[in-house]
Structures are given as structure tokens and as C-alpha cells.
Amino acid sequence: MVAAKAGVSAKFIGEIERGTTNTSIAVLWQLTSGLGVSLPEFFLAADDAAATDVATVGAIVGAQPPAARRQAIRLLRALWAKDEG
């Protein structure tokens, strides 16, 4: 279990994942060690996943006719605004 290898609780990892708590560089270092990846690899993986997600959304929306694209963009904006409020 990553939590045990990193010397933190599974609850703490869950809080980090949900964004309800922040972590220090020291704990981040422990987590990456527990995962068996370097700190740069950890962030690269996150960036790659986000880039893949953005590319997927772009491909889906981009394949639609103009009116549907505009509607999808309005929907995405409304969803994000709801999460921020």
C-alpha cells in the first residue's frame, strides 16, 4: 500500500486526492518514493493525463457541427462555473 510505504495514512492520501488538504514537499517526496517514481516523473504523469483528457474532449467537440460545438462549450462552462461556486 502506498500510504504505508510513504508513512502516511490512507485517509490523508484521500484528503489530498479530494483537495481537502494540502501537503508539504517532504510528504510529496515520501509519496513519490512509495510509488517508486521520481518527483519529476510524478508531475509528468499528471501533465500527460491532463493533456490526454484535453485532447479527447477537443476531438469529441471538434468533430461536431458549429452549433453543437458552441452548445458543448456553453455546457462545459456551466459545469465548471457550478463547481467553482
PDB file of N, CA and C in Angstrom:
ATOM      1  N   MET A   1       0.847  -1.172   0.000  1.00  0.00           N
ATOM      2  CA  MET A   1       0.000   0.000   0.000  1.00  0.00           C
ATOM      3  C   MET A   1       0.896   1.240   0.000  1.00  0.00           C
ATOM      4  N   VAL A   2       0.561   2.188  -0.834  1.00  0.00           N
ATOM      5  CA  VAL A   2       1.365   3.404  -0.962  1.00  0.00           C
ATOM      6  C   VAL A   2       1.402   4.168   0.353  1.00  0.00           C
ATOM      7  N   ALA A   3       0.269   4.267   1.013  1.00  0.00           N
ATOM      8  CA  ALA A   3       0.205   5.017   2.271  1.00  0.00           C
ATOM      9  C   ALA A   3       1.212   4.463   3.275  1.00  0.00           C
ATOM     10  N   ALA A   4       1.243   3.165   3.430  1.00  0.00           N
ATOM     11  CA  ALA A   4       2.167   2.542   4.378  1.00  0.00           C
ATOM     12  C   ALA A   4       3.620   2.779   3.971  1.00  0.00           C
ATOM     13  N   LYS A   5       3.906   2.627   2.673  1.00  0.00           N
ATOM     14  CA  LYS A   5       5.275   2.847   2.193  1.00  0.00           C
ATOM     15  C   LYS A   5       5.705   4.294   2.373  1.00  0.00           C
ATOM     16  N   ALA A   6       4.742   5.218   2.256  1.00  0.00           N
ATOM     17  CA  ALA A   6       5.066   6.641   2.389  1.00  0.00           C
ATOM     18  C   ALA A   6       5.041   7.102   3.842  1.00  0.00           C
ATOM     19  N   GLY A   7       4.535   6.250   4.734  1.00  0.00           N
ATOM     20  CA  GLY A   7       4.492   6.627   6.140  1.00  0.00           C
ATOM     21  C   GLY A   7       3.373   7.601   6.478  1.00  0.00           C
ATOM     22  N   VAL A   8       2.286   7.562   5.706  1.00  0.00           N
ATOM     23  CA  VAL A   8       1.125   8.408   5.978  1.00  0.00           C
ATOM     24  C   VAL A   8      -0.113   7.518   5.985  1.00  0.00           C
ATOM     25  N   SER A   9      -1.216   8.063   6.439  1.00  0.00           N
ATOM     26  CA  SER A   9      -2.444   7.273   6.482  1.00  0.00           C
ATOM     27  C   SER A   9      -3.163   7.301   5.132  1.00  0.00           C
ATOM     28  N   ALA A  10      -3.954   6.270   4.897  1.00  0.00           N
ATOM     29  CA  ALA A  10      -4.770   6.228   3.682  1.00  0.00           C
ATOM     30  C   ALA A  10      -5.779   7.375   3.697  1.00  0.00           C
ATOM     31  N   LYS A  11      -6.253   7.735   4.865  1.00  0.00           N
ATOM     32  CA  LYS A  11      -7.190   8.857   4.992  1.00  0.00           C
ATOM     33  C   LYS A  11      -6.532  10.146   4.495  1.00  0.00           C
ATOM     34  N   PHE A  12      -5.268  10.357   4.869  1.00  0.00           N
ATOM     35  CA  PHE A  12      -4.551  11.553   4.441  1.00  0.00           C
ATOM     36  C   PHE A  12      -4.405  11.592   2.926  1.00  0.00           C
ATOM     37  N   ILE A  13      -4.096  10.456   2.320  1.00  0.00           N
ATOM     38  CA  ILE A  13      -3.981  10.400   0.862  1.00  0.00           C
ATOM     39  C   ILE A  13      -5.329  10.726   0.226  1.00  0.00           C
ATOM     40  N   GLY A  14      -6.402  10.208   0.791  1.00  0.00           N
ATOM     41  CA  GLY A  14      -7.733  10.524   0.288  1.00  0.00           C
ATOM     42  C   GLY A  14      -8.035  12.009   0.363  1.00  0.00           C
ATOM     43  N   GLU A  15      -7.622  12.649   1.453  1.00  0.00           N
ATOM     44  CA  GLU A  15      -7.833  14.091   1.606  1.00  0.00           C
ATOM     45  C   GLU A  15      -7.056  14.876   0.551  1.00  0.00           C
ATOM     46  N   ILE A  16      -5.849  14.433   0.249  1.00  0.00           N
ATOM     47  CA  ILE A  16      -5.053  15.086  -0.802  1.00  0.00           C
ATOM     48  C   ILE A  16      -5.752  14.916  -2.145  1.00  0.00           C
ATOM     49  N   GLU A  17      -6.209  13.696  -2.435  1.00  0.00           N
ATOM     50  CA  GLU A  17      -6.878  13.427  -3.708  1.00  0.00           C
ATOM     51  C   GLU A  17      -8.144  14.254  -3.872  1.00  0.00           C
ATOM     52  N   ARG A  18      -8.888  14.447  -2.783  1.00  0.00           N
ATOM     53  CA  ARG A  18     -10.125  15.224  -2.847  1.00  0.00           C
ATOM     54  C   ARG A  18      -9.877  16.721  -2.793  1.00  0.00           C
ATOM     55  N   GLY A  19      -8.655  17.110  -2.511  1.00  0.00           N
ATOM     56  CA  GLY A  19      -8.325  18.528  -2.441  1.00  0.00           C
ATOM     57  C   GLY A  19      -8.783  19.195  -1.160  1.00  0.00           C
ATOM     58  N   THR A  20      -9.012  18.409  -0.113  1.00  0.00           N
ATOM     59  CA  THR A  20      -9.456  18.980   1.158  1.00  0.00           C
ATOM     60  C   THR A  20      -8.293  19.319   2.070  1.00  0.00           C
ATOM     61  N   THR A  21      -7.081  18.937   1.667  1.00  0.00           N
ATOM     62  CA  THR A  21      -5.883  19.285   2.424  1.00  0.00           C
ATOM     63  C   THR A  21      -4.723  19.459   1.460  1.00  0.00           C
ATOM     64  N   ASN A  22      -3.731  20.156   1.899  1.00  0.00           N
ATOM     65  CA  ASN A  22      -2.503  20.326   1.118  1.00  0.00           C
ATOM     66  C   ASN A  22      -1.411  19.508   1.769  1.00  0.00           C
ATOM     67  N   THR A  23      -0.336  19.327   1.048  1.00  0.00           N
ATOM     68  CA  THR A  23       0.775  18.555   1.588  1.00  0.00           C
ATOM     69  C   THR A  23       2.075  19.318   1.416  1.00  0.00           C
ATOM     70  N   SER A  24       3.040  18.937   2.188  1.00  0.00           N
ATOM     71  CA  SER A  24       4.358  19.563   2.101  1.00  0.00           C
ATOM     72  C   SER A  24       5.207  18.843   1.054  1.00  0.00           C
ATOM     73  N   ILE A  25       6.289  19.464   0.697  1.00  0.00           N
ATOM     74  CA  ILE A  25       7.232  18.843  -0.241  1.00  0.00           C
ATOM     75  C   ILE A  25       7.784  17.553   0.369  1.00  0.00           C
ATOM     76  N   ALA A  26       8.028  17.569   1.666  1.00  0.00           N
ATOM     77  CA  ALA A  26       8.572  16.371   2.330  1.00  0.00           C
ATOM     78  C   ALA A  26       7.612  15.192   2.182  1.00  0.00           C
ATOM     79  N   VAL A  27       6.329  15.423   2.402  1.00  0.00           N
ATOM     80  CA  VAL A  27       5.349  14.342   2.270  1.00  0.00           C
ATOM     81  C   VAL A  27       5.207  13.941   0.808  1.00  0.00           C
ATOM     82  N   LEU A  28       5.242  14.909  -0.097  1.00  0.00           N
ATOM     83  CA  LEU A  28       5.186  14.599  -1.516  1.00  0.00           C
ATOM     84  C   LEU A  28       6.364  13.708  -1.908  1.00  0.00           C
ATOM     85  N   TRP A  29       7.508  14.000  -1.358  1.00  0.00           N
ATOM     86  CA  TRP A  29       8.700  13.181  -1.602  1.00  0.00           C
ATOM     87  C   TRP A  29       8.469  11.757  -1.098  1.00  0.00           C
ATOM     88  N   GLN A  30       7.884  11.624   0.091  1.00  0.00           N
ATOM     89  CA  GLN A  30       7.577  10.305   0.651  1.00  0.00           C
ATOM     90  C   GLN A  30       6.600   9.550  -0.257  1.00  0.00           C
ATOM     91  N   LEU A  31       5.590  10.256  -0.752  1.00  0.00           N
ATOM     92  CA  LEU A  31       4.600   9.616  -1.612  1.00  0.00           C
ATOM     93  C   LEU A  31       5.221   9.117  -2.910  1.00  0.00           C
ATOM     94  N   THR A  32       6.053   9.938  -3.531  1.00  0.00           N
ATOM     95  CA  THR A  32       6.674   9.514  -4.786  1.00  0.00           C
ATOM     96  C   THR A  32       7.614   8.334  -4.541  1.00  0.00           C
ATOM     97  N   SER A  33       8.283   8.342  -3.399  1.00  0.00           N
ATOM     98  CA  SER A  33       9.131   7.193  -3.053  1.00  0.00           C
ATOM     99  C   SER A  33       8.282   5.944  -2.879  1.00  0.00           C
ATOM    100  N   GLY A  34       7.131   6.097  -2.224  1.00  0.00           N
ATOM    101  CA  GLY A  34       6.215   4.972  -2.046  1.00  0.00           C
ATOM    102  C   GLY A  34       5.679   4.438  -3.354  1.00  0.00           C
ATOM    103  N   LEU A  35       5.501   5.321  -4.318  1.00  0.00           N
ATOM    104  CA  LEU A  35       5.028   4.907  -5.645  1.00  0.00           C
ATOM    105  C   LEU A  35       6.153   4.366  -6.516  1.00  0.00           C
ATOM    106  N   GLY A  36       7.388   4.628  -6.104  1.00  0.00           N
ATOM    107  CA  GLY A  36       8.531   4.168  -6.883  1.00  0.00           C
ATOM    108  C   GLY A  36       8.813   5.018  -8.101  1.00  0.00           C
ATOM    109  N   VAL A  37       8.447   6.311  -8.028  1.00  0.00           N
ATOM    110  CA  VAL A  37       8.726   7.233  -9.130  1.00  0.00           C
ATOM    111  C   VAL A  37       9.454   8.453  -8.588  1.00  0.00           C
ATOM    112  N   SER A  38      10.150   9.150  -9.472  1.00  0.00           N
ATOM    113  CA  SER A  38      10.815  10.381  -9.053  1.00  0.00           C
ATOM    114  C   SER A  38       9.787  11.504  -9.014  1.00  0.00           C
ATOM    115  N   LEU A  39      10.141  12.582  -8.347  1.00  0.00           N
ATOM    116  CA  LEU A  39       9.249  13.738  -8.275  1.00  0.00           C
ATOM    117  C   LEU A  39       8.919  14.278  -9.668  1.00  0.00           C
ATOM    118  N   PRO A  40       9.911  14.452 -10.563  1.00  0.00           N
ATOM    119  CA  PRO A  40       9.572  14.915 -11.921  1.00  0.00           C
ATOM    120  C   PRO A  40       8.657  13.938 -12.667  1.00  0.00           C
ATOM    121  N   GLU A  41       8.883  12.625 -12.498  1.00  0.00           N
ATOM    122  CA  GLU A  41       8.028  11.631 -13.156  1.00  0.00           C
ATOM    123  C   GLU A  41       6.592  11.726 -12.656  1.00  0.00           C
ATOM    124  N   PHE A  42       6.438  11.984 -11.367  1.00  0.00           N
ATOM    125  CA  PHE A  42       5.111  12.105 -10.768  1.00  0.00           C
ATOM    126  C   PHE A  42       4.324  13.226 -11.438  1.00  0.00           C
ATOM    127  N   PHE A  43       4.952  14.392 -11.584  1.00  0.00           N
ATOM    128  CA  PHE A  43       4.260  15.522 -12.190  1.00  0.00           C
ATOM    129  C   PHE A  43       4.107  15.360 -13.694  1.00  0.00           C
ATOM    130  N   LEU A  44       5.053  14.708 -14.334  1.00  0.00           N
ATOM    131  CA  LEU A  44       4.948  14.455 -15.767  1.00  0.00           C
ATOM    132  C   LEU A  44       3.739  13.572 -16.042  1.00  0.00           C
ATOM    133  N   ALA A  45       3.536  12.549 -15.229  1.00  0.00           N
ATOM    134  CA  ALA A  45       2.388  11.660 -15.414  1.00  0.00           C
ATOM    135  C   ALA A  45       1.087  12.438 -15.281  1.00  0.00           C
ATOM    136  N   ALA A  46       1.006  13.339 -14.314  1.00  0.00           N
ATOM    137  CA  ALA A  46      -0.205  14.138 -14.133  1.00  0.00           C
ATOM    138  C   ALA A  46      -0.427  15.036 -15.341  1.00  0.00           C
ATOM    139  N   ASP A  47       0.633  15.637 -15.856  1.00  0.00           N
ATOM    140  CA  ASP A  47       0.516  16.506 -17.017  1.00  0.00           C
ATOM    141  C   ASP A  47       0.100  15.709 -18.253  1.00  0.00           C
ATOM    142  N   ASP A  48       0.647  14.511 -18.417  1.00  0.00           N
ATOM    143  CA  ASP A  48       0.295  13.669 -19.557  1.00  0.00           C
ATOM    144  C   ASP A  48      -1.173  13.271 -19.504  1.00  0.00           C
ATOM    145  N   ALA A  49      -1.660  12.926 -18.318  1.00  0.00           N
ATOM    146  CA  ALA A  49      -3.065  12.538 -18.176  1.00  0.00           C
ATOM    147  C   ALA A  49      -3.970  13.715 -18.514  1.00  0.00           C
ATOM    148  N   ALA A  50      -3.631  14.888 -18.045  1.00  0.00           N
ATOM    149  CA  ALA A  50      -4.443  16.072 -18.337  1.00  0.00           C
ATOM    150  C   ALA A  50      -4.408  16.382 -19.826  1.00  0.00           C
ATOM    151  N   ALA A  51      -3.250  16.276 -20.431  1.00  0.00           N
ATOM    152  CA  ALA A  51      -3.134  16.547 -21.867  1.00  0.00           C
ATOM    153  C   ALA A  51      -3.969  15.552 -22.667  1.00  0.00           C
ATOM    154  N   THR A  52      -3.971  14.298 -22.256  1.00  0.00           N
ATOM    155  CA  THR A  52      -4.774  13.282 -22.931  1.00  0.00           C
ATOM    156  C   THR A  52      -6.260  13.586 -22.796  1.00  0.00           C
ATOM    157  N   ASP A  53      -6.671  13.982 -21.583  1.00  0.00           N
ATOM    158  CA  ASP A  53      -8.079  14.324 -21.357  1.00  0.00           C
ATOM    159  C   ASP A  53      -8.497  15.512 -22.218  1.00  0.00           C
ATOM    160  N   VAL A  54      -7.668  16.533 -22.250  1.00  0.00           N
ATOM    161  CA  VAL A  54      -7.981  17.727 -23.046  1.00  0.00           C
ATOM    162  C   VAL A  54      -8.055  17.370 -24.526  1.00  0.00           C
ATOM    163  N   ALA A  55      -7.132  16.556 -24.997  1.00  0.00           N
ATOM    164  CA  ALA A  55      -7.141  16.147 -26.406  1.00  0.00           C
ATOM    165  C   ALA A  55      -8.397  15.347 -26.738  1.00  0.00           C
ATOM    166  N   THR A  56      -8.823  14.492 -25.822  1.00  0.00           N
ATOM    167  CA  THR A  56     -10.033  13.698 -26.040  1.00  0.00           C
ATOM    168  C   THR A  56     -11.257  14.595 -26.145  1.00  0.00           C
ATOM    169  N   VAL A  57     -11.390  15.528 -25.202  1.00  0.00           N
ATOM    170  CA  VAL A  57     -12.523  16.456 -25.235  1.00  0.00           C
ATOM    171  C   VAL A  57     -12.478  17.289 -26.516  1.00  0.00           C
ATOM    172  N   GLY A  58     -11.293  17.770 -26.868  1.00  0.00           N
ATOM    173  CA  GLY A  58     -11.144  18.566 -28.086  1.00  0.00           C
ATOM    174  C   GLY A  58     -11.543  17.795 -29.331  1.00  0.00           C
ATOM    175  N   ALA A  59     -11.164  16.525 -29.391  1.00  0.00           N
ATOM    176  CA  ALA A  59     -11.517  15.711 -30.559  1.00  0.00           C
ATOM    177  C   ALA A  59     -13.016  15.476 -30.643  1.00  0.00           C
ATOM    178  N   ILE A  60     -13.636  15.210 -29.507  1.00  0.00           N
ATOM    179  CA  ILE A  60     -15.088  14.973 -29.497  1.00  0.00           C
ATOM    180  C   ILE A  60     -15.835  16.235 -29.899  1.00  0.00           C
ATOM    181  N   VAL A  61     -15.494  17.340 -29.268  1.00  0.00           N
ATOM    182  CA  VAL A  61     -16.178  18.603 -29.558  1.00  0.00           C
ATOM    183  C   VAL A  61     -15.849  19.077 -30.969  1.00  0.00           C
ATOM    184  N   GLY A  62     -14.606  18.942 -31.369  1.00  0.00           N
ATOM    185  CA  GLY A  62     -14.187  19.406 -32.684  1.00  0.00           C
ATOM    186  C   GLY A  62     -14.852  18.672 -33.834  1.00  0.00           C
ATOM    187  N   ALA A  63     -15.303  17.449 -33.604  1.00  0.00           N
ATOM    188  CA  ALA A  63     -15.943  16.665 -34.660  1.00  0.00           C
ATOM    189  C   ALA A  63     -17.409  17.047 -34.870  1.00  0.00           C
ATOM    190  N   GLN A  64     -17.913  17.919 -34.029  1.00  0.00           N
ATOM    191  CA  GLN A  64     -19.328  18.297 -34.112  1.00  0.00           C
ATOM    192  C   GLN A  64     -19.526  19.492 -35.042  1.00  0.00           C
ATOM    193  N   PRO A  65     -20.751  19.655 -35.552  1.00  0.00           N
ATOM    194  CA  PRO A  65     -21.042  20.847 -36.354  1.00  0.00           C
ATOM    195  C   PRO A  65     -20.952  22.094 -35.475  1.00  0.00           C
ATOM    196  N   PRO A  66     -20.777  23.273 -36.071  1.00  0.00           N
ATOM    197  CA  PRO A  66     -20.561  24.507 -35.304  1.00  0.00           C
ATOM    198  C   PRO A  66     -21.580  24.753 -34.196  1.00  0.00           C
ATOM    199  N   ALA A  67     -22.846  24.569 -34.461  1.00  0.00           N
ATOM    200  CA  ALA A  67     -23.866  24.829 -33.427  1.00  0.00           C
ATOM    201  C   ALA A  67     -23.700  23.890 -32.241  1.00  0.00           C
ATOM    202  N   ALA A  68     -23.407  22.631 -32.509  1.00  0.00           N
ATOM    203  CA  ALA A  68     -23.210  21.660 -31.426  1.00  0.00           C
ATOM    204  C   ALA A  68     -21.939  21.978 -30.642  1.00  0.00           C
ATOM    205  N   ARG A  69     -20.883  22.448 -31.330  1.00  0.00           N
ATOM    206  CA  ARG A  69     -19.642  22.840 -30.629  1.00  0.00           C
ATOM    207  C   ARG A  69     -19.920  23.967 -29.654  1.00  0.00           C
ATOM    208  N   ARG A  70     -20.644  24.984 -30.121  1.00  0.00           N
ATOM    209  CA  ARG A  70     -20.955  26.120 -29.247  1.00  0.00           C
ATOM    210  C   ARG A  70     -21.776  25.667 -28.042  1.00  0.00           C
ATOM    211  N   GLN A  71     -22.718  24.762 -28.269  1.00  0.00           N
ATOM    212  CA  GLN A  71     -23.548  24.249 -27.179  1.00  0.00           C
ATOM    213  C   GLN A  71     -22.688  23.462 -26.178  1.00  0.00           C
ATOM    214  N   ALA A  72     -21.765  22.654 -26.682  1.00  0.00           N
ATOM    215  CA  ALA A  72     -20.890  21.879 -25.804  1.00  0.00           C
ATOM    216  C   ALA A  72     -20.003  22.800 -24.968  1.00  0.00           C
ATOM    217  N   ILE A  73     -19.504  23.846 -25.582  1.00  0.00           N
ATOM    218  CA  ILE A  73     -18.666  24.807 -24.854  1.00  0.00           C
ATOM    219  C   ILE A  73     -19.474  25.499 -23.770  1.00  0.00           C
ATOM    220  N   ARG A  74     -20.706  25.894 -24.080  1.00  0.00           N
ATOM    221  CA  ARG A  74     -21.568  26.516 -23.060  1.00  0.00           C
ATOM    222  C   ARG A  74     -21.834  25.545 -21.913  1.00  0.00           C
ATOM    223  N   LEU A  75     -22.061  24.283 -22.247  1.00  0.00           N
ATOM    224  CA  LEU A  75     -22.309  23.272 -21.225  1.00  0.00           C
ATOM    225  C   LEU A  75     -21.088  23.088 -20.325  1.00  0.00           C
ATOM    226  N   LEU A  76     -19.917  22.971 -20.932  1.00  0.00           N
ATOM    227  CA  LEU A  76     -18.697  22.813 -20.139  1.00  0.00           C
ATOM    228  C   LEU A  76     -18.468  24.015 -19.228  1.00  0.00           C
ATOM    229  N   ARG A  77     -18.663  25.209 -19.753  1.00  0.00           N
ATOM    230  CA  ARG A  77     -18.516  26.416 -18.927  1.00  0.00           C
ATOM    231  C   ARG A  77     -19.496  26.401 -17.768  1.00  0.00           C
ATOM    232  N   ALA A  78     -20.730  26.008 -18.023  1.00  0.00           N
ATOM    233  CA  ALA A  78     -21.746  25.968 -16.962  1.00  0.00           C
ATOM    234  C   ALA A  78     -21.369  24.933 -15.900  1.00  0.00           C
ATOM    235  N   LEU A  79     -20.854  23.791 -16.326  1.00  0.00           N
ATOM    236  CA  LEU A  79     -20.445  22.773 -15.356  1.00  0.00           C
ATOM    237  C   LEU A  79     -19.302  23.243 -14.480  1.00  0.00           C
ATOM    238  N   TRP A  80     -18.304  23.893 -15.086  1.00  0.00           N
ATOM    239  CA  TRP A  80     -17.173  24.377 -14.308  1.00  0.00           C
ATOM    240  C   TRP A  80     -17.578  25.522 -13.386  1.00  0.00           C
ATOM    241  N   ALA A  81     -18.438  26.398 -13.855  1.00  0.00           N
ATOM    242  CA  ALA A  81     -18.892  27.511 -13.023  1.00  0.00           C
ATOM    243  C   ALA A  81     -19.639  26.970 -11.807  1.00  0.00           C
ATOM    244  N   LYS A  82     -20.407  25.901 -12.004  1.00  0.00           N
ATOM    245  CA  LYS A  82     -21.142  25.279 -10.900  1.00  0.00           C
ATOM    246  C   LYS A  82     -20.177  24.731  -9.859  1.00  0.00           C
ATOM    247  N   ASP A  83     -19.088  24.081 -10.307  1.00  0.00           N
ATOM    248  CA  ASP A  83     -18.093  23.534  -9.381  1.00  0.00           C
ATOM    249  C   ASP A  83     -17.356  24.613  -8.616  1.00  0.00           C
ATOM    250  N   GLU A  84     -17.153  25.778  -9.242  1.00  0.00           N
ATOM    251  CA  GLU A  84     -16.420  26.867  -8.603  1.00  0.00           C
ATOM    252  C   GLU A  84     -17.274  27.618  -7.595  1.00  0.00           C
ATOM    253  N   GLY A  85     -18.580  27.596  -7.757  1.00  0.00           N
ATOM    254  CA  GLY A  85     -19.481  28.366  -6.914  1.00  0.00           C
ATOM    255  C   GLY A  85     -19.794  27.659  -5.671  1.00  0.00           C
TER     256      GLY A  85
END
